[in-house]
Amino acid sequence: MQGGSQAYDRIGVGYAAVRQPDPRLAAMIWRAIGDAETIVNVGAGTGSYEPPDRDVVAVEPSSVMLAQHRGTQRVLGTAEHLPFDDATFDVAMAVLTVHHWDDLDRGLAELRRVSRRQVVFTWDPAHRPLLWIVADYVPAIGTMETARFATVPHIVAALGAHTVSTFEIPHNFTDGFQAAFWRRPEMYLDPAVRSASSTFASLPRDEVEPGIERLRRDLESGNWHRTYGDLLSREKVDYGYRLIVAGGSGR
């Protein structure tokens, strides 16, 4: 997870201000966690979506991100080499992190080794339609994410998962990852918002800025609204985000 840690060392400052956990996604993840008492959060970042009333150990390769984590059990480490004995935890959770791992299959095998239940939230690069900011303005995002995200069937097979649930992004989603602003296009014009997305932050400026400037012009001219105005009446949209659950009850 070396590449991921370097990316988040760069973008981690101020990350928590934009990436506020959304209670609807939290509820979905916590239902999957169930009554588990001990949890390891792998690629934990600042600790979003960790149940507040459980015994949670956070594992994170970026010291910048880990410093913003409010938990008391924090481990600087990677998914591929978890420093725990077999079946130490009831649940291993991983939220929007598996695409940063250097060796996905080894990391998923480690989740299975150290826990009785695995809960993984990710994005499926095979899903269509693409988010409009990717399809029409910054296609380099699509190229990057197709290369680094594993498909949902790949993760399901590696974990031996039994459940895959769709999470539709609400229009007022509070966690500012890439798809959060599908109905708030002006938000993509804010450099602080883009810097909290690992994809935007990892791409060269010359692959991002021209598309952002074109979006600015399209918002001013009304062209964006003519093309995507139908989105403004929708409450939520499926952009390919999935919750994958494997293993037993966790206890």
Protein backbone atom coordinates (compact mmCIF):
# COMPACT_ATOMS: atom_id res chain seq x y z
CA MET A 1 0.00 0.00 0.00
CA GLN A 2 3.03 2.21 -0.47
CA GLY A 3 1.53 4.22 -3.32
CA GLY A 4 -1.63 4.83 -1.34
CA SER A 5 0.25 6.05 1.70
CA GLN A 6 2.25 8.52 -0.38
CA ALA A 7 -0.94 9.86 -1.97
CA TYR A 8 -2.60 10.36 1.38
CA ASP A 9 0.50 11.93 2.91
CA ARG A 10 0.00 14.59 0.21
CA ILE A 11 -3.76 15.05 0.42
CA GLY A 12 -4.28 14.16 4.07
CA VAL A 13 -3.94 17.70 5.41
CA GLY A 14 -7.49 19.07 5.66
CA TYR A 15 -8.97 15.79 4.43
CA ALA A 16 -11.35 15.40 7.35
CA ALA A 17 -12.98 18.79 6.68
CA VAL A 18 -14.31 17.61 3.30
CA ARG A 19 -14.75 13.92 4.03
CA GLN A 20 -17.48 13.97 6.66
CA PRO A 21 -19.00 10.52 7.28
CA ASP A 22 -22.52 10.21 5.90
CA PRO A 23 -25.02 8.65 8.33
CA ARG A 24 -26.80 6.68 5.58
CA LEU A 25 -23.64 4.92 4.49
CA ALA A 26 -22.65 4.48 8.13
CA ALA A 27 -25.96 2.75 8.85
CA MET A 28 -25.45 0.35 5.94
CA ILE A 29 -21.93 -0.54 7.06
CA TRP A 30 -22.93 -0.95 10.69
CA ARG A 31 -25.79 -3.29 9.74
CA ALA A 32 -23.24 -5.45 7.93
CA ILE A 33 -20.95 -5.38 10.98
CA GLY A 34 -23.83 -6.54 13.13
CA ASP A 35 -23.15 -7.30 16.78
CA ALA A 36 -19.39 -7.76 16.36
CA GLU A 37 -17.43 -6.54 19.37
CA THR A 38 -13.89 -6.42 17.99
CA ILE A 39 -13.11 -4.77 14.65
CA VAL A 40 -10.01 -3.97 12.63
CA ASN A 41 -10.43 -1.09 10.19
CA VAL A 42 -7.86 -1.60 7.42
CA GLY A 43 -6.89 1.51 5.46
CA ALA A 44 -8.70 3.37 8.20
CA GLY A 45 -7.83 6.92 7.22
CA THR A 46 -9.38 9.27 9.76
CA GLY A 47 -11.73 6.60 11.09
CA SER A 48 -14.87 7.29 9.10
CA TYR A 49 -17.60 4.68 9.51
CA GLU A 50 -16.09 2.98 12.53
CA PRO A 51 -18.85 2.07 15.02
CA PRO A 52 -18.32 4.34 18.03
CA ASP A 53 -19.41 1.75 20.59
CA ARG A 54 -17.05 -1.11 19.62
CA ASP A 55 -13.45 -2.08 20.20
CA VAL A 56 -11.77 -0.88 16.98
CA VAL A 57 -8.14 -1.10 15.91
CA ALA A 58 -7.24 1.24 13.04
CA VAL A 59 -4.56 0.19 10.54
CA GLU A 60 -3.35 2.90 8.16
CA PRO A 61 -0.13 3.34 6.12
CA SER A 62 -0.21 7.16 6.03
CA SER A 63 1.07 8.87 9.16
CA VAL A 64 -0.66 12.09 8.09
CA MET A 65 -4.04 10.36 7.99
CA LEU A 66 -3.43 8.35 11.14
CA ALA A 67 -2.64 11.55 13.05
CA GLN A 68 -6.21 12.73 12.30
CA HIS A 69 -7.74 9.51 13.59
CA ARG A 70 -9.46 10.05 16.93
CA GLY A 71 -9.22 6.44 18.11
CA THR A 72 -6.85 5.18 20.77
CA GLN A 73 -5.76 1.97 19.01
CA ARG A 74 -3.86 3.06 15.92
CA VAL A 75 -1.35 0.99 13.98
CA LEU A 76 0.87 2.27 11.18
CA GLY A 77 0.80 -0.60 8.72
CA THR A 78 -0.47 -2.08 5.46
CA ALA A 79 -3.23 -4.45 4.48
CA GLU A 80 -0.79 -6.93 3.00
CA HIS A 81 1.04 -7.45 6.32
CA LEU A 82 -1.42 -7.18 9.19
CA PRO A 83 0.42 -7.62 12.50
CA PHE A 84 -2.23 -9.78 14.16
CA ASP A 85 -2.78 -13.45 14.90
CA ASP A 86 -5.35 -15.51 13.01
CA ALA A 87 -9.00 -14.79 13.89
CA THR A 88 -8.07 -11.94 16.23
CA PHE A 89 -11.14 -9.89 15.29
CA ASP A 90 -14.85 -10.47 14.82
CA VAL A 91 -14.87 -8.21 11.74
CA ALA A 92 -12.37 -6.67 9.36
CA MET A 93 -13.70 -3.59 7.56
CA ALA A 94 -12.21 -1.75 4.59
CA VAL A 95 -13.91 1.39 3.25
CA LEU A 96 -12.85 2.83 -0.12
CA THR A 97 -9.30 1.59 0.33
CA VAL A 98 -8.72 -1.67 -1.55
CA HIS A 99 -7.83 0.21 -4.77
CA HIS A 100 -4.78 1.63 -2.99
CA TRP A 101 -3.34 -1.72 -1.97
CA ASP A 102 -0.19 -2.87 -3.73
CA ASP A 103 -1.30 -6.51 -3.68
CA LEU A 104 -5.09 -6.72 -3.55
CA ASP A 105 -5.42 -10.48 -3.27
CA ARG A 106 -2.84 -10.69 -0.50
CA GLY A 107 -4.60 -7.89 1.38
CA LEU A 108 -7.98 -9.59 1.06
CA ALA A 109 -6.44 -12.87 2.21
CA GLU A 110 -5.12 -11.02 5.27
CA LEU A 111 -8.62 -9.70 6.03
CA ARG A 112 -9.89 -13.28 5.96
CA ARG A 113 -7.01 -14.51 8.09
CA VAL A 114 -7.40 -12.04 10.96
CA SER A 115 -11.21 -11.90 11.14
CA ARG A 116 -14.30 -14.07 11.03
CA ARG A 117 -16.30 -11.60 8.91
CA GLN A 118 -15.21 -9.12 6.24
CA VAL A 119 -17.03 -5.92 5.23
CA VAL A 120 -15.64 -4.09 2.18
CA PHE A 121 -17.05 -0.92 0.61
CA THR A 122 -15.75 -0.25 -2.89
CA TRP A 123 -16.57 0.93 -6.40
CA ASP A 124 -17.05 -1.33 -9.43
CA PRO A 125 -15.18 -0.07 -12.54
CA ALA A 126 -17.46 -2.17 -14.74
CA HIS A 127 -20.53 -0.16 -13.70
CA ARG A 128 -22.30 2.15 -16.12
CA PRO A 129 -23.20 4.95 -16.44
CA LEU A 130 -20.02 6.71 -15.50
CA LEU A 131 -20.22 9.81 -13.36
CA TRP A 132 -20.59 12.78 -15.73
CA ILE A 133 -17.47 14.58 -14.43
CA VAL A 134 -15.51 11.53 -15.59
CA ALA A 135 -17.35 10.85 -18.83
CA ASP A 136 -17.42 14.41 -20.17
CA TYR A 137 -14.84 16.53 -18.36
CA VAL A 138 -11.90 14.62 -16.85
CA PRO A 139 -11.68 11.27 -18.69
CA ALA A 140 -8.24 10.65 -17.19
CA ILE A 141 -10.08 9.79 -13.97
CA GLY A 142 -11.77 6.89 -15.72
CA THR A 143 -8.49 5.63 -17.10
CA MET A 144 -6.83 5.76 -13.69
CA GLU A 145 -9.70 4.19 -11.79
CA THR A 146 -10.27 1.38 -14.26
CA ALA A 147 -6.61 0.47 -13.79
CA ARG A 148 -6.57 0.53 -10.00
CA PHE A 149 -10.03 -0.67 -8.94
CA ALA A 150 -10.79 -4.39 -8.98
CA THR A 151 -14.21 -5.45 -10.21
CA VAL A 152 -16.77 -6.53 -7.67
CA PRO A 153 -16.77 -10.16 -8.95
CA HIS A 154 -12.98 -10.26 -8.36
CA ILE A 155 -13.36 -9.16 -4.75
CA VAL A 156 -16.35 -11.46 -4.19
CA ALA A 157 -14.33 -14.43 -5.44
CA ALA A 158 -11.25 -13.55 -3.38
CA LEU A 159 -13.26 -13.20 -0.17
CA GLY A 160 -15.78 -15.96 -0.83
CA ALA A 161 -18.39 -13.26 -0.23
CA HIS A 162 -22.08 -14.06 0.15
CA THR A 163 -23.66 -10.60 -0.05
CA VAL A 164 -23.28 -7.61 -2.40
CA SER A 165 -25.44 -4.55 -1.72
CA THR A 166 -25.87 -1.42 -3.82
CA PHE A 167 -25.36 1.98 -2.22
CA GLU A 168 -27.02 4.75 -4.21
CA ILE A 169 -25.38 8.13 -3.59
CA PRO A 170 -27.89 10.62 -2.07
CA HIS A 171 -27.91 14.11 -3.57
CA ASN A 172 -26.88 15.63 -0.22
CA PHE A 173 -24.22 13.06 0.62
CA THR A 174 -21.80 14.49 3.19
CA ASP A 175 -18.70 12.40 2.51
CA GLY A 176 -16.96 14.34 -0.25
CA PHE A 177 -15.51 11.51 -2.30
CA GLN A 178 -15.58 11.74 -6.06
CA ALA A 179 -19.24 10.90 -6.77
CA ALA A 180 -20.65 12.89 -3.84
CA PHE A 181 -21.33 15.99 -5.91
CA TRP A 182 -23.21 14.47 -8.85
CA ARG A 183 -26.08 16.96 -8.26
CA ARG A 184 -23.86 19.84 -7.08
CA PRO A 185 -21.56 20.43 -10.06
CA GLU A 186 -20.20 23.73 -8.77
CA MET A 187 -18.46 21.86 -5.96
CA TYR A 188 -15.95 20.34 -8.40
CA LEU A 189 -14.69 23.87 -9.08
CA ASP A 190 -13.36 24.09 -5.50
CA PRO A 191 -9.68 23.04 -5.27
CA ALA A 192 -10.18 21.99 -1.63
CA VAL A 193 -12.91 19.57 -2.66
CA ARG A 194 -10.79 18.10 -5.43
CA SER A 195 -7.76 17.79 -3.17
CA ALA A 196 -9.74 15.52 -0.82
CA SER A 197 -10.20 13.01 -3.66
CA SER A 198 -7.20 10.75 -4.21
CA THR A 199 -7.96 10.52 -7.93
CA PHE A 200 -8.10 14.25 -8.56
CA ALA A 201 -5.10 14.78 -6.32
CA SER A 202 -3.02 12.10 -8.04
CA LEU A 203 -3.53 13.28 -11.62
CA PRO A 204 -1.29 15.87 -13.27
CA ARG A 205 -2.82 19.34 -13.34
CA ASP A 206 -2.81 19.42 -17.13
CA GLU A 207 -5.15 16.41 -17.15
CA VAL A 208 -7.58 18.01 -14.68
CA GLU A 209 -7.61 21.79 -15.07
CA PRO A 210 -8.81 21.99 -18.72
CA GLY A 211 -11.87 19.89 -17.86
CA ILE A 212 -12.60 21.92 -14.74
CA GLU A 213 -12.40 25.16 -16.73
CA ARG A 214 -14.78 23.71 -19.33
CA LEU A 215 -17.17 22.77 -16.55
CA ARG A 216 -16.97 26.33 -15.24
CA ARG A 217 -17.89 27.67 -18.67
CA ASP A 218 -20.71 25.14 -19.08
CA LEU A 219 -22.20 26.13 -15.74
CA GLU A 220 -22.03 29.81 -16.65
CA SER A 221 -23.56 29.25 -20.08
CA GLY A 222 -26.24 26.83 -18.90
CA ASN A 223 -24.88 24.02 -21.06
CA TRP A 224 -24.41 21.70 -18.08
CA HIS A 225 -28.01 22.21 -17.03
CA ARG A 226 -29.25 21.57 -20.55
CA THR A 227 -27.30 18.30 -20.66
CA TYR A 228 -27.71 17.06 -17.09
CA GLY A 229 -30.62 19.05 -15.71
CA ASP A 230 -32.66 15.88 -15.24
CA LEU A 231 -30.32 14.93 -12.38
CA LEU A 232 -31.55 17.90 -10.35
CA SER A 233 -34.87 16.17 -9.72
CA ARG A 234 -33.34 12.90 -8.53
CA GLU A 235 -32.81 12.07 -4.87
CA LYS A 236 -30.09 9.42 -5.35
CA VAL A 237 -28.20 7.69 -8.15
CA ASP A 238 -26.37 4.37 -8.51
CA TYR A 239 -22.82 5.09 -9.64
CA GLY A 240 -21.42 1.65 -8.88
CA TYR A 241 -20.66 1.74 -5.15
CA ARG A 242 -21.08 -1.63 -3.47
CA LEU A 243 -20.86 -3.14 0.01
CA ILE A 244 -19.44 -6.65 -0.01
CA VAL A 245 -19.83 -8.97 2.98
CA ALA A 246 -18.10 -12.32 3.55
CA GLY A 247 -17.79 -14.75 6.45
CA GLY A 248 -20.04 -15.59 9.33
CA SER A 249 -21.86 -13.54 11.92
CA GLY A 250 -18.60 -12.17 13.29
CA ARG A 251 -18.92 -13.55 16.83
